[in-house]
Amino acid sequence: MGKFRLRLLPILLGGFLVINCSVREVQSTTMLCLNTEELTKKAREIVQGKVVKKHCEWNQDEPRINTTITIKVGRSIKGDLAKEEVVIRQPGGVIGDVGLKVSGFPDFQEGEEVLVFLQKGEEYFRKVVGLAQGKFRIITDKETGRKILDMTGQDKGLRIIDKEEAVKTEAVREEKKVFLEDFVDSIKVIRKLQIEN
């Protein structure tokens, strides 16, 4: 009976380690929710622009598809103010009949206008801060004619800051429109406060 228990112990410990390792892998892919202050702080560049090119290619080192997205910069809010374009590279994409979807990464479409929070990536490429949290699609509001952030299907910790009083108020995504210029003003106030502190 004692030998049976000793033989069973390594099997139980091995099973525990496999389960424990699996949990760590899941935890390592957990995305932290970032609010506007955190996105602004982590970003090396914040740009508004138009997606002019989206290109998918096989990774040379491993069997994986990568997508490069070229954005023509219309306005630089943080970073190199003279930059004409930025190129983002991220895993996933479609080549022919083969597609790879990597959860959490933002989707870009040629022709769409975006506001993106960027970090340095591999080589000269950029990557989006906080995965999909750092990409905002810009659309024109039919009622006012003003540019707003398209919040469809998004759950972002947006905070709009009153530039006169510097009071933080959370934007209610389903009921309140987030106007682009108000959001950009908020980013500028956040940057100023971060520089001062």
N, C-alpha and C. Protein backbone atom coordinates (compact mmCIF):
# COMPACT_ATOMS: atom_id res chain seq x y z
N MET A 1 0.82 -1.20 0.00
CA MET A 1 0.00 0.00 0.00
C MET A 1 0.86 1.26 0.00
N GLY A 2 1.96 1.25 0.74
CA GLY A 2 2.85 2.40 0.81
C GLY A 2 3.52 2.68 -0.53
N LYS A 3 3.93 1.59 -1.27
CA LYS A 3 4.56 1.76 -2.58
C LYS A 3 3.58 2.38 -3.57
N PHE A 4 2.31 1.98 -3.49
CA PHE A 4 1.28 2.51 -4.40
C PHE A 4 1.13 4.03 -4.19
N ARG A 5 1.14 4.47 -2.93
CA ARG A 5 1.02 5.90 -2.63
C ARG A 5 2.24 6.67 -3.14
N LEU A 6 3.43 6.09 -2.99
CA LEU A 6 4.65 6.74 -3.47
C LEU A 6 4.65 6.87 -4.99
N ARG A 7 4.13 5.86 -5.70
CA ARG A 7 4.07 5.93 -7.16
C ARG A 7 3.04 6.96 -7.62
N LEU A 8 1.96 7.11 -6.87
CA LEU A 8 0.89 8.03 -7.22
C LEU A 8 1.29 9.49 -6.98
N LEU A 9 2.16 9.72 -6.00
CA LEU A 9 2.57 11.07 -5.65
C LEU A 9 3.23 11.82 -6.82
N PRO A 10 4.20 11.25 -7.56
CA PRO A 10 4.78 11.98 -8.69
C PRO A 10 3.74 12.30 -9.78
N ILE A 11 2.79 11.39 -9.98
CA ILE A 11 1.75 11.63 -10.99
C ILE A 11 0.90 12.82 -10.57
N LEU A 12 0.51 12.86 -9.29
CA LEU A 12 -0.29 13.97 -8.79
C LEU A 12 0.48 15.28 -8.85
N LEU A 13 1.76 15.26 -8.45
CA LEU A 13 2.58 16.47 -8.50
C LEU A 13 2.77 16.94 -9.94
N GLY A 14 3.00 16.00 -10.86
CA GLY A 14 3.15 16.36 -12.27
C GLY A 14 1.89 16.99 -12.81
N GLY A 15 0.73 16.43 -12.47
CA GLY A 15 -0.55 17.01 -12.90
C GLY A 15 -0.75 18.40 -12.35
N PHE A 16 -0.36 18.60 -11.07
CA PHE A 16 -0.47 19.92 -10.45
C PHE A 16 0.41 20.94 -11.17
N LEU A 17 1.64 20.54 -11.51
CA LEU A 17 2.56 21.46 -12.21
C LEU A 17 2.03 21.83 -13.59
N VAL A 18 1.47 20.86 -14.31
CA VAL A 18 0.91 21.14 -15.63
C VAL A 18 -0.24 22.14 -15.51
N ILE A 19 -1.13 21.90 -14.54
CA ILE A 19 -2.26 22.82 -14.33
C ILE A 19 -1.75 24.18 -13.91
N ASN A 20 -0.77 24.22 -13.01
CA ASN A 20 -0.23 25.47 -12.52
C ASN A 20 0.44 26.26 -13.65
N CYS A 21 1.19 25.60 -14.53
CA CYS A 21 1.83 26.28 -15.66
C CYS A 21 0.79 26.84 -16.62
N SER A 22 -0.29 26.09 -16.85
CA SER A 22 -1.35 26.56 -17.74
C SER A 22 -1.97 27.84 -17.21
N VAL A 23 -2.16 27.91 -15.92
CA VAL A 23 -2.74 29.11 -15.32
C VAL A 23 -1.81 30.30 -15.52
N ARG A 24 -0.51 30.09 -15.37
CA ARG A 24 0.44 31.18 -15.58
C ARG A 24 0.39 31.70 -17.01
N GLU A 25 0.27 30.80 -17.97
CA GLU A 25 0.20 31.24 -19.36
C GLU A 25 -1.03 32.09 -19.60
N VAL A 26 -2.15 31.70 -19.05
CA VAL A 26 -3.38 32.48 -19.21
C VAL A 26 -3.22 33.84 -18.57
N GLN A 27 -2.63 33.87 -17.36
CA GLN A 27 -2.45 35.14 -16.68
C GLN A 27 -1.50 36.06 -17.44
N SER A 28 -0.52 35.51 -18.10
CA SER A 28 0.44 36.36 -18.81
C SER A 28 -0.18 37.04 -20.02
N THR A 29 -1.30 36.52 -20.52
CA THR A 29 -1.95 37.16 -21.65
C THR A 29 -3.09 38.08 -21.23
N THR A 30 -3.29 38.23 -19.93
CA THR A 30 -4.35 39.11 -19.43
C THR A 30 -4.00 40.56 -19.77
N MET A 31 -5.00 41.30 -20.30
CA MET A 31 -4.78 42.68 -20.68
C MET A 31 -5.26 43.59 -19.56
N LEU A 32 -4.40 44.47 -19.09
CA LEU A 32 -4.77 45.42 -18.06
C LEU A 32 -5.57 46.55 -18.68
N CYS A 33 -6.63 46.96 -17.99
CA CYS A 33 -7.45 48.07 -18.47
C CYS A 33 -6.72 49.38 -18.21
N LEU A 34 -6.51 50.15 -19.25
CA LEU A 34 -5.79 51.42 -19.14
C LEU A 34 -6.74 52.59 -19.35
N ASN A 35 -6.66 53.59 -18.48
CA ASN A 35 -7.46 54.78 -18.71
C ASN A 35 -6.65 55.78 -19.53
N THR A 36 -7.21 56.93 -19.78
CA THR A 36 -6.56 57.92 -20.65
C THR A 36 -5.21 58.37 -20.09
N GLU A 37 -5.13 58.55 -18.77
CA GLU A 37 -3.86 58.98 -18.17
C GLU A 37 -2.77 57.94 -18.40
N GLU A 38 -3.12 56.67 -18.21
CA GLU A 38 -2.13 55.60 -18.37
C GLU A 38 -1.72 55.43 -19.83
N LEU A 39 -2.70 55.51 -20.74
CA LEU A 39 -2.37 55.43 -22.17
C LEU A 39 -1.42 56.55 -22.56
N THR A 40 -1.71 57.77 -22.08
CA THR A 40 -0.89 58.93 -22.41
C THR A 40 0.52 58.79 -21.86
N LYS A 41 0.63 58.31 -20.63
CA LYS A 41 1.94 58.15 -19.99
C LYS A 41 2.78 57.10 -20.70
N LYS A 42 2.18 55.98 -21.06
CA LYS A 42 2.91 54.88 -21.69
C LYS A 42 3.27 55.16 -23.15
N ALA A 43 2.52 56.05 -23.81
CA ALA A 43 2.74 56.30 -25.23
C ALA A 43 3.99 57.13 -25.48
N ARG A 44 4.77 56.70 -26.44
CA ARG A 44 5.91 57.49 -26.89
C ARG A 44 5.43 58.52 -27.92
N GLU A 45 4.41 58.11 -28.69
CA GLU A 45 3.80 58.99 -29.69
C GLU A 45 2.28 58.84 -29.63
N ILE A 46 1.59 59.94 -29.87
CA ILE A 46 0.13 59.92 -30.03
C ILE A 46 -0.15 60.68 -31.31
N VAL A 47 -0.76 60.00 -32.28
CA VAL A 47 -1.00 60.64 -33.57
C VAL A 47 -2.44 60.44 -34.03
N GLN A 48 -2.90 61.42 -34.79
CA GLN A 48 -4.17 61.32 -35.49
C GLN A 48 -3.83 61.26 -36.97
N GLY A 49 -4.45 60.33 -37.69
CA GLY A 49 -4.15 60.22 -39.10
C GLY A 49 -5.06 59.25 -39.82
N LYS A 50 -4.70 58.97 -41.06
CA LYS A 50 -5.50 58.09 -41.91
C LYS A 50 -4.70 56.85 -42.26
N VAL A 51 -5.36 55.69 -42.19
CA VAL A 51 -4.72 54.43 -42.57
C VAL A 51 -4.64 54.39 -44.09
N VAL A 52 -3.42 54.42 -44.62
CA VAL A 52 -3.25 54.46 -46.08
C VAL A 52 -2.82 53.11 -46.66
N LYS A 53 -2.33 52.21 -45.79
CA LYS A 53 -1.90 50.91 -46.30
C LYS A 53 -1.97 49.87 -45.19
N LYS A 54 -2.44 48.67 -45.57
CA LYS A 54 -2.45 47.53 -44.67
C LYS A 54 -1.92 46.34 -45.45
N HIS A 55 -0.84 45.72 -44.95
CA HIS A 55 -0.17 44.66 -45.69
C HIS A 55 0.12 43.48 -44.77
N CYS A 56 -0.26 42.28 -45.21
CA CYS A 56 -0.02 41.05 -44.44
C CYS A 56 1.10 40.25 -45.08
N GLU A 57 1.96 39.65 -44.25
CA GLU A 57 3.05 38.83 -44.76
C GLU A 57 3.41 37.76 -43.75
N TRP A 58 4.04 36.70 -44.25
CA TRP A 58 4.49 35.62 -43.37
C TRP A 58 5.72 36.07 -42.62
N ASN A 59 5.80 35.73 -41.34
CA ASN A 59 6.98 35.99 -40.54
C ASN A 59 8.09 35.05 -41.02
N GLN A 60 9.30 35.55 -41.19
CA GLN A 60 10.41 34.74 -41.70
C GLN A 60 10.91 33.74 -40.67
N ASP A 61 10.82 34.07 -39.38
CA ASP A 61 11.40 33.23 -38.33
C ASP A 61 10.50 32.08 -37.89
N GLU A 62 9.19 32.25 -37.98
CA GLU A 62 8.26 31.21 -37.54
C GLU A 62 7.00 31.29 -38.39
N PRO A 63 6.24 30.20 -38.46
CA PRO A 63 5.04 30.20 -39.30
C PRO A 63 3.91 31.02 -38.68
N ARG A 64 3.98 32.34 -38.88
CA ARG A 64 2.99 33.25 -38.33
C ARG A 64 2.79 34.41 -39.30
N ILE A 65 1.58 34.93 -39.36
CA ILE A 65 1.29 36.07 -40.22
C ILE A 65 1.39 37.36 -39.41
N ASN A 66 2.05 38.36 -39.97
CA ASN A 66 2.13 39.69 -39.37
C ASN A 66 1.45 40.69 -40.30
N THR A 67 0.90 41.74 -39.73
CA THR A 67 0.30 42.81 -40.51
C THR A 67 1.02 44.11 -40.22
N THR A 68 1.36 44.85 -41.27
CA THR A 68 1.91 46.20 -41.10
C THR A 68 0.85 47.19 -41.55
N ILE A 69 0.69 48.23 -40.76
CA ILE A 69 -0.31 49.27 -41.03
C ILE A 69 0.42 50.60 -41.14
N THR A 70 0.25 51.28 -42.25
CA THR A 70 0.87 52.59 -42.45
C THR A 70 -0.18 53.67 -42.25
N ILE A 71 0.13 54.61 -41.36
CA ILE A 71 -0.78 55.72 -41.07
C ILE A 71 -0.12 57.02 -41.50
N LYS A 72 -0.81 57.76 -42.36
CA LYS A 72 -0.35 59.10 -42.75
C LYS A 72 -0.76 60.05 -41.64
N VAL A 73 0.22 60.68 -41.01
CA VAL A 73 -0.03 61.51 -39.84
C VAL A 73 -0.63 62.86 -40.27
N GLY A 74 -1.79 63.16 -39.71
CA GLY A 74 -2.43 64.46 -39.93
C GLY A 74 -2.08 65.43 -38.82
N ARG A 75 -1.94 64.86 -37.60
CA ARG A 75 -1.60 65.68 -36.44
C ARG A 75 -0.86 64.82 -35.43
N SER A 76 0.23 65.38 -34.91
CA SER A 76 1.00 64.70 -33.88
C SER A 76 0.72 65.38 -32.55
N ILE A 77 0.21 64.62 -31.59
CA ILE A 77 -0.17 65.17 -30.29
C ILE A 77 0.96 64.97 -29.28
N LYS A 78 1.72 63.91 -29.45
CA LYS A 78 2.88 63.63 -28.61
C LYS A 78 3.93 62.96 -29.47
N GLY A 79 5.18 63.36 -29.31
CA GLY A 79 6.26 62.76 -30.09
C GLY A 79 6.76 63.70 -31.17
N ASP A 80 7.33 63.13 -32.21
CA ASP A 80 7.92 63.89 -33.31
C ASP A 80 6.82 64.63 -34.07
N LEU A 81 6.79 65.95 -33.94
CA LEU A 81 5.74 66.76 -34.55
C LEU A 81 5.86 66.84 -36.07
N ALA A 82 7.06 66.55 -36.60
CA ALA A 82 7.27 66.65 -38.05
C ALA A 82 7.08 65.32 -38.77
N LYS A 83 6.78 64.27 -38.03
CA LYS A 83 6.66 62.93 -38.63
C LYS A 83 5.50 62.90 -39.63
N GLU A 84 5.75 62.35 -40.83
CA GLU A 84 4.73 62.30 -41.88
C GLU A 84 3.93 61.01 -41.85
N GLU A 85 4.55 59.91 -41.38
CA GLU A 85 3.83 58.65 -41.28
C GLU A 85 4.43 57.78 -40.19
N VAL A 86 3.61 56.85 -39.70
CA VAL A 86 4.07 55.84 -38.74
C VAL A 86 3.66 54.48 -39.28
N VAL A 87 4.47 53.48 -38.98
CA VAL A 87 4.18 52.12 -39.44
C VAL A 87 4.07 51.22 -38.21
N ILE A 88 2.91 50.60 -38.08
CA ILE A 88 2.63 49.69 -36.97
C ILE A 88 2.78 48.26 -37.47
N ARG A 89 3.34 47.41 -36.62
CA ARG A 89 3.42 45.99 -36.97
C ARG A 89 2.84 45.18 -35.82
N GLN A 90 1.95 44.24 -36.16
CA GLN A 90 1.33 43.41 -35.13
C GLN A 90 1.04 42.02 -35.69
N PRO A 91 0.95 41.02 -34.80
CA PRO A 91 0.65 39.66 -35.27
C PRO A 91 -0.79 39.54 -35.74
N GLY A 92 -0.99 38.63 -36.68
CA GLY A 92 -2.33 38.37 -37.21
C GLY A 92 -2.49 38.92 -38.61
N GLY A 93 -3.51 38.44 -39.31
CA GLY A 93 -3.79 38.91 -40.66
C GLY A 93 -4.30 37.79 -41.53
N VAL A 94 -4.53 38.11 -42.79
CA VAL A 94 -5.05 37.13 -43.75
C VAL A 94 -4.19 37.16 -45.01
N ILE A 95 -3.75 35.97 -45.44
CA ILE A 95 -3.03 35.81 -46.70
C ILE A 95 -3.73 34.70 -47.46
N GLY A 96 -4.36 35.04 -48.57
CA GLY A 96 -5.10 34.05 -49.35
C GLY A 96 -6.24 33.46 -48.53
N ASP A 97 -6.23 32.13 -48.42
CA ASP A 97 -7.27 31.44 -47.65
C ASP A 97 -6.87 31.20 -46.19
N VAL A 98 -5.69 31.69 -45.80
CA VAL A 98 -5.18 31.46 -44.45
C VAL A 98 -5.29 32.75 -43.64
N GLY A 99 -5.87 32.64 -42.45
CA GLY A 99 -6.00 33.81 -41.59
C GLY A 99 -5.57 33.50 -40.17
N LEU A 100 -5.07 34.50 -39.49
CA LEU A 100 -4.67 34.37 -38.09
C LEU A 100 -5.24 35.57 -37.34
N LYS A 101 -6.08 35.30 -36.35
CA LYS A 101 -6.67 36.35 -35.52
C LYS A 101 -6.06 36.23 -34.13
N VAL A 102 -5.42 37.30 -33.68
CA VAL A 102 -4.82 37.31 -32.36
C VAL A 102 -5.67 38.20 -31.47
N SER A 103 -6.24 37.60 -30.46
CA SER A 103 -7.16 38.30 -29.57
C SER A 103 -6.51 39.51 -28.91
N GLY A 104 -7.26 40.61 -28.87
CA GLY A 104 -6.81 41.81 -28.18
C GLY A 104 -6.19 42.86 -29.07
N PHE A 105 -5.67 42.46 -30.24
CA PHE A 105 -5.03 43.43 -31.12
C PHE A 105 -6.08 44.21 -31.90
N PRO A 106 -5.84 45.51 -32.13
CA PRO A 106 -6.83 46.31 -32.84
C PRO A 106 -6.90 45.96 -34.32
N ASP A 107 -8.07 46.17 -34.89
CA ASP A 107 -8.27 45.96 -36.33
C ASP A 107 -8.21 47.31 -37.03
N PHE A 108 -7.45 47.38 -38.10
CA PHE A 108 -7.33 48.61 -38.88
C PHE A 108 -7.89 48.36 -40.28
N GLN A 109 -8.53 49.36 -40.86
CA GLN A 109 -9.04 49.28 -42.22
C GLN A 109 -8.47 50.43 -43.04
N GLU A 110 -8.06 50.13 -44.26
CA GLU A 110 -7.56 51.20 -45.13
C GLU A 110 -8.64 52.26 -45.31
N GLY A 111 -8.23 53.52 -45.23
CA GLY A 111 -9.15 54.63 -45.43
C GLY A 111 -9.75 55.18 -44.15
N GLU A 112 -9.67 54.43 -43.04
CA GLU A 112 -10.27 54.94 -41.80
C GLU A 112 -9.36 55.96 -41.13
N GLU A 113 -9.99 56.91 -40.45
CA GLU A 113 -9.25 57.90 -39.67
C GLU A 113 -9.15 57.40 -38.24
N VAL A 114 -7.98 57.54 -37.64
CA VAL A 114 -7.73 56.98 -36.31
C VAL A 114 -6.94 57.94 -35.43
N LEU A 115 -7.06 57.72 -34.14
CA LEU A 115 -6.19 58.33 -33.14
C LEU A 115 -5.55 57.16 -32.42
N VAL A 116 -4.21 57.11 -32.42
CA VAL A 116 -3.51 55.96 -31.84
C VAL A 116 -2.43 56.39 -30.85
N PHE A 117 -2.32 55.58 -29.79
CA PHE A 117 -1.28 55.74 -28.78
C PHE A 117 -0.22 54.69 -29.11
N LEU A 118 1.02 55.12 -29.34
CA LEU A 118 2.05 54.21 -29.85
C LEU A 118 3.28 54.11 -28.96
N GLN A 119 3.90 52.92 -28.99
CA GLN A 119 5.18 52.66 -28.36
C GLN A 119 6.15 52.19 -29.42
N LYS A 120 7.43 52.18 -29.07
CA LYS A 120 8.44 51.65 -29.99
C LYS A 120 8.28 50.14 -30.06
N GLY A 121 8.32 49.61 -31.27
CA GLY A 121 8.26 48.17 -31.48
C GLY A 121 9.58 47.66 -32.01
N GLU A 122 9.56 46.53 -32.73
CA GLU A 122 10.76 45.98 -33.33
C GLU A 122 11.21 46.86 -34.49
N GLU A 123 12.52 46.96 -34.66
CA GLU A 123 13.13 47.73 -35.74
C GLU A 123 12.55 49.15 -35.74
N TYR A 124 12.06 49.61 -36.88
CA TYR A 124 11.49 50.97 -36.94
C TYR A 124 9.97 50.97 -36.77
N PHE A 125 9.40 49.79 -36.52
CA PHE A 125 7.95 49.68 -36.38
C PHE A 125 7.47 50.22 -35.03
N ARG A 126 6.20 50.53 -34.97
CA ARG A 126 5.53 50.93 -33.74
C ARG A 126 4.55 49.83 -33.34
N LYS A 127 4.14 49.86 -32.08
CA LYS A 127 3.06 48.99 -31.62
C LYS A 127 2.08 49.84 -30.83
N VAL A 128 0.83 49.39 -30.79
CA VAL A 128 -0.22 50.15 -30.13
C VAL A 128 -0.18 49.88 -28.63
N VAL A 129 -0.24 50.94 -27.83
CA VAL A 129 -0.24 50.83 -26.38
C VAL A 129 -1.54 50.16 -25.92
N GLY A 130 -1.42 49.19 -25.04
CA GLY A 130 -2.61 48.55 -24.46
C GLY A 130 -3.45 47.78 -25.46
N LEU A 131 -2.80 47.30 -26.54
CA LEU A 131 -3.50 46.56 -27.59
C LEU A 131 -4.66 47.40 -28.13
N ALA A 132 -5.86 46.85 -28.22
CA ALA A 132 -6.98 47.57 -28.83
C ALA A 132 -7.38 48.82 -28.07
N GLN A 133 -6.99 48.93 -26.80
CA GLN A 133 -7.35 50.10 -26.00
C GLN A 133 -6.70 51.37 -26.53
N GLY A 134 -5.58 51.24 -27.23
CA GLY A 134 -4.84 52.41 -27.69
C GLY A 134 -5.17 52.86 -29.09
N LYS A 135 -6.25 52.31 -29.67
CA LYS A 135 -6.67 52.70 -31.03
C LYS A 135 -8.11 53.18 -31.01
N PHE A 136 -8.33 54.38 -31.52
CA PHE A 136 -9.68 54.95 -31.59
C PHE A 136 -10.00 55.29 -33.04
N ARG A 137 -11.13 54.81 -33.51
CA ARG A 137 -11.61 55.15 -34.86
C ARG A 137 -12.35 56.48 -34.76
N ILE A 138 -12.08 57.37 -35.70
CA ILE A 138 -12.71 58.69 -35.72
C ILE A 138 -13.77 58.71 -36.80
N ILE A 139 -14.96 59.15 -36.43
CA ILE A 139 -16.06 59.29 -37.40
C ILE A 139 -16.67 60.68 -37.26
N THR A 140 -17.49 61.05 -38.23
CA THR A 140 -18.19 62.34 -38.18
C THR A 140 -19.60 62.12 -37.63
N ASP A 141 -19.94 62.90 -36.61
CA ASP A 141 -21.27 62.81 -35.99
C ASP A 141 -22.30 63.41 -36.94
N LYS A 142 -23.35 62.65 -37.24
CA LYS A 142 -24.38 63.10 -38.19
C LYS A 142 -25.17 64.28 -37.66
N GLU A 143 -25.37 64.38 -36.36
CA GLU A 143 -26.16 65.47 -35.78
C GLU A 143 -25.41 66.79 -35.75
N THR A 144 -24.14 66.76 -35.37
CA THR A 144 -23.39 68.00 -35.17
C THR A 144 -22.39 68.30 -36.28
N GLY A 145 -22.01 67.28 -37.06
CA GLY A 145 -20.99 67.47 -38.08
C GLY A 145 -19.58 67.47 -37.51
N ARG A 146 -19.46 67.29 -36.20
CA ARG A 146 -18.15 67.28 -35.54
C ARG A 146 -17.59 65.86 -35.52
N LYS A 147 -16.26 65.78 -35.40
CA LYS A 147 -15.61 64.47 -35.31
C LYS A 147 -15.72 63.93 -33.90
N ILE A 148 -16.09 62.63 -33.82
CA ILE A 148 -16.21 61.96 -32.53
C ILE A 148 -15.45 60.63 -32.58
N LEU A 149 -15.21 60.05 -31.39
CA LEU A 149 -14.60 58.73 -31.31
C LEU A 149 -15.71 57.70 -31.43
N ASP A 150 -15.52 56.74 -32.32
CA ASP A 150 -16.50 55.66 -32.48
C ASP A 150 -16.29 54.67 -31.34
N MET A 151 -17.25 54.64 -30.41
CA MET A 151 -17.11 53.79 -29.23
C MET A 151 -17.86 52.47 -29.37
N THR A 152 -18.31 52.14 -30.59
CA THR A 152 -19.04 50.90 -30.83
C THR A 152 -18.21 49.70 -30.40
N GLY A 153 -18.75 48.93 -29.48
CA GLY A 153 -18.08 47.71 -29.03
C GLY A 153 -16.83 47.95 -28.21
N GLN A 154 -16.56 49.18 -27.81
CA GLN A 154 -15.36 49.48 -27.05
C GLN A 154 -15.71 49.64 -25.58
N ASP A 155 -14.78 49.27 -24.73
CA ASP A 155 -14.92 49.51 -23.30
C ASP A 155 -13.62 50.11 -22.82
N LYS A 156 -13.49 51.39 -23.05
CA LYS A 156 -12.24 52.07 -22.73
C LYS A 156 -12.44 52.96 -21.51
N GLY A 157 -11.44 53.03 -20.65
CA GLY A 157 -11.52 53.87 -19.47
C GLY A 157 -11.26 55.32 -19.84
N LEU A 158 -12.13 55.88 -20.64
CA LEU A 158 -11.94 57.26 -21.09
C LEU A 158 -12.22 58.24 -19.97
N ARG A 159 -11.38 59.24 -19.89
CA ARG A 159 -11.66 60.32 -18.96
C ARG A 159 -11.50 61.62 -19.72
N ILE A 160 -12.55 62.42 -19.69
CA ILE A 160 -12.50 63.72 -20.33
C ILE A 160 -12.20 64.74 -19.24
N ILE A 161 -11.21 65.57 -19.47
CA ILE A 161 -10.79 66.53 -18.45
C ILE A 161 -11.18 67.92 -18.90
N ASP A 162 -11.89 68.62 -18.04
CA ASP A 162 -12.27 70.00 -18.30
C ASP A 162 -11.01 70.84 -18.27
N LYS A 163 -10.64 71.45 -19.41
CA LYS A 163 -9.34 72.13 -19.49
C LYS A 163 -9.27 73.38 -18.62
N GLU A 164 -10.43 73.99 -18.28
CA GLU A 164 -10.40 75.17 -17.42
C GLU A 164 -10.20 74.78 -15.95
N GLU A 165 -10.91 73.75 -15.51
CA GLU A 165 -10.88 73.39 -14.10
C GLU A 165 -10.03 72.16 -13.82
N ALA A 166 -9.62 71.45 -14.86
CA ALA A 166 -8.85 70.21 -14.72
C ALA A 166 -9.58 69.21 -13.83
N VAL A 167 -10.89 69.13 -13.98
CA VAL A 167 -11.71 68.19 -13.22
C VAL A 167 -11.93 66.96 -14.07
N LYS A 168 -11.69 65.78 -13.51
CA LYS A 168 -11.84 64.54 -14.25
C LYS A 168 -13.29 64.08 -14.20
N THR A 169 -13.86 63.79 -15.33
CA THR A 169 -15.21 63.23 -15.38
C THR A 169 -15.19 62.07 -16.35
N GLU A 170 -15.77 60.96 -15.96
CA GLU A 170 -15.77 59.78 -16.83
C GLU A 170 -16.82 59.93 -17.91
N ALA A 171 -16.45 59.62 -19.13
CA ALA A 171 -17.40 59.67 -20.25
C ALA A 171 -18.29 58.44 -20.19
N VAL A 172 -19.59 58.64 -20.26
CA VAL A 172 -20.53 57.53 -20.31
C VAL A 172 -20.63 57.12 -21.77
N ARG A 173 -20.09 55.95 -22.09
CA ARG A 173 -19.89 55.58 -23.47
C ARG A 173 -21.19 55.36 -24.25
N GLU A 174 -22.24 54.92 -23.59
CA GLU A 174 -23.48 54.64 -24.32
C GLU A 174 -24.33 55.88 -24.50
N GLU A 175 -24.19 56.87 -23.63
CA GLU A 175 -25.09 58.02 -23.66
C GLU A 175 -24.42 59.32 -24.06
N LYS A 176 -23.14 59.42 -23.89
CA LYS A 176 -22.44 60.67 -24.14
C LYS A 176 -21.46 60.50 -25.31
N LYS A 177 -21.51 61.42 -26.24
CA LYS A 177 -20.57 61.39 -27.36
C LYS A 177 -19.22 61.91 -26.88
N VAL A 178 -18.17 61.27 -27.38
CA VAL A 178 -16.83 61.72 -27.05
C VAL A 178 -16.30 62.46 -28.27
N PHE A 179 -16.31 63.79 -28.17
CA PHE A 179 -15.84 64.61 -29.29
C PHE A 179 -14.33 64.57 -29.36
N LEU A 180 -13.80 64.45 -30.56
CA LEU A 180 -12.36 64.32 -30.78
C LEU A 180 -11.59 65.46 -30.13
N GLU A 181 -12.01 66.69 -30.36
CA GLU A 181 -11.24 67.83 -29.84
C GLU A 181 -11.25 67.87 -28.32
N ASP A 182 -12.35 67.47 -27.69
CA ASP A 182 -12.39 67.40 -26.23
C ASP A 182 -11.41 66.35 -25.72
N PHE A 183 -11.35 65.23 -26.42
CA PHE A 183 -10.44 64.16 -26.03
C PHE A 183 -8.98 64.59 -26.20
N VAL A 184 -8.68 65.25 -27.31
CA VAL A 184 -7.31 65.74 -27.56
C VAL A 184 -6.93 66.77 -26.50
N ASP A 185 -7.87 67.67 -26.16
CA ASP A 185 -7.60 68.65 -25.09
C ASP A 185 -7.31 67.94 -23.77
N SER A 186 -8.04 66.86 -23.50
CA SER A 186 -7.81 66.07 -22.28
C SER A 186 -6.40 65.50 -22.26
N ILE A 187 -5.97 64.98 -23.40
CA ILE A 187 -4.61 64.41 -23.49
C ILE A 187 -3.57 65.49 -23.21
N LYS A 188 -3.80 66.68 -23.76
CA LYS A 188 -2.85 67.79 -23.54
C LYS A 188 -2.78 68.19 -22.07
N VAL A 189 -3.94 68.22 -21.40
CA VAL A 189 -3.97 68.54 -19.97
C VAL A 189 -3.24 67.46 -19.17
N ILE A 190 -3.49 66.21 -19.51
CA ILE A 190 -2.83 65.09 -18.83
C ILE A 190 -1.32 65.19 -19.00
N ARG A 191 -0.86 65.47 -20.21
CA ARG A 191 0.59 65.61 -20.46
C ARG A 191 1.18 66.74 -19.63
N LYS A 192 0.46 67.85 -19.58
CA LYS A 192 0.95 68.99 -18.79
C LYS A 192 1.06 68.62 -17.31
N LEU A 193 0.04 67.95 -16.77
CA LEU A 193 0.06 67.53 -15.37
C LEU A 193 1.17 66.52 -15.11
N GLN A 194 1.40 65.60 -16.07
CA GLN A 194 2.46 64.60 -15.91
C GLN A 194 3.85 65.27 -15.93
N ILE A 195 4.02 66.27 -16.76
CA ILE A 195 5.30 66.98 -16.84
C ILE A 195 5.56 67.76 -15.55
N GLU A 196 4.50 68.38 -15.02
CA GLU A 196 4.64 69.16 -13.79
C GLU A 196 4.91 68.30 -12.56
N ASN A 197 4.40 67.07 -12.58
CA ASN A 197 4.60 66.19 -11.41
C ASN A 197 5.80 65.37 -11.61
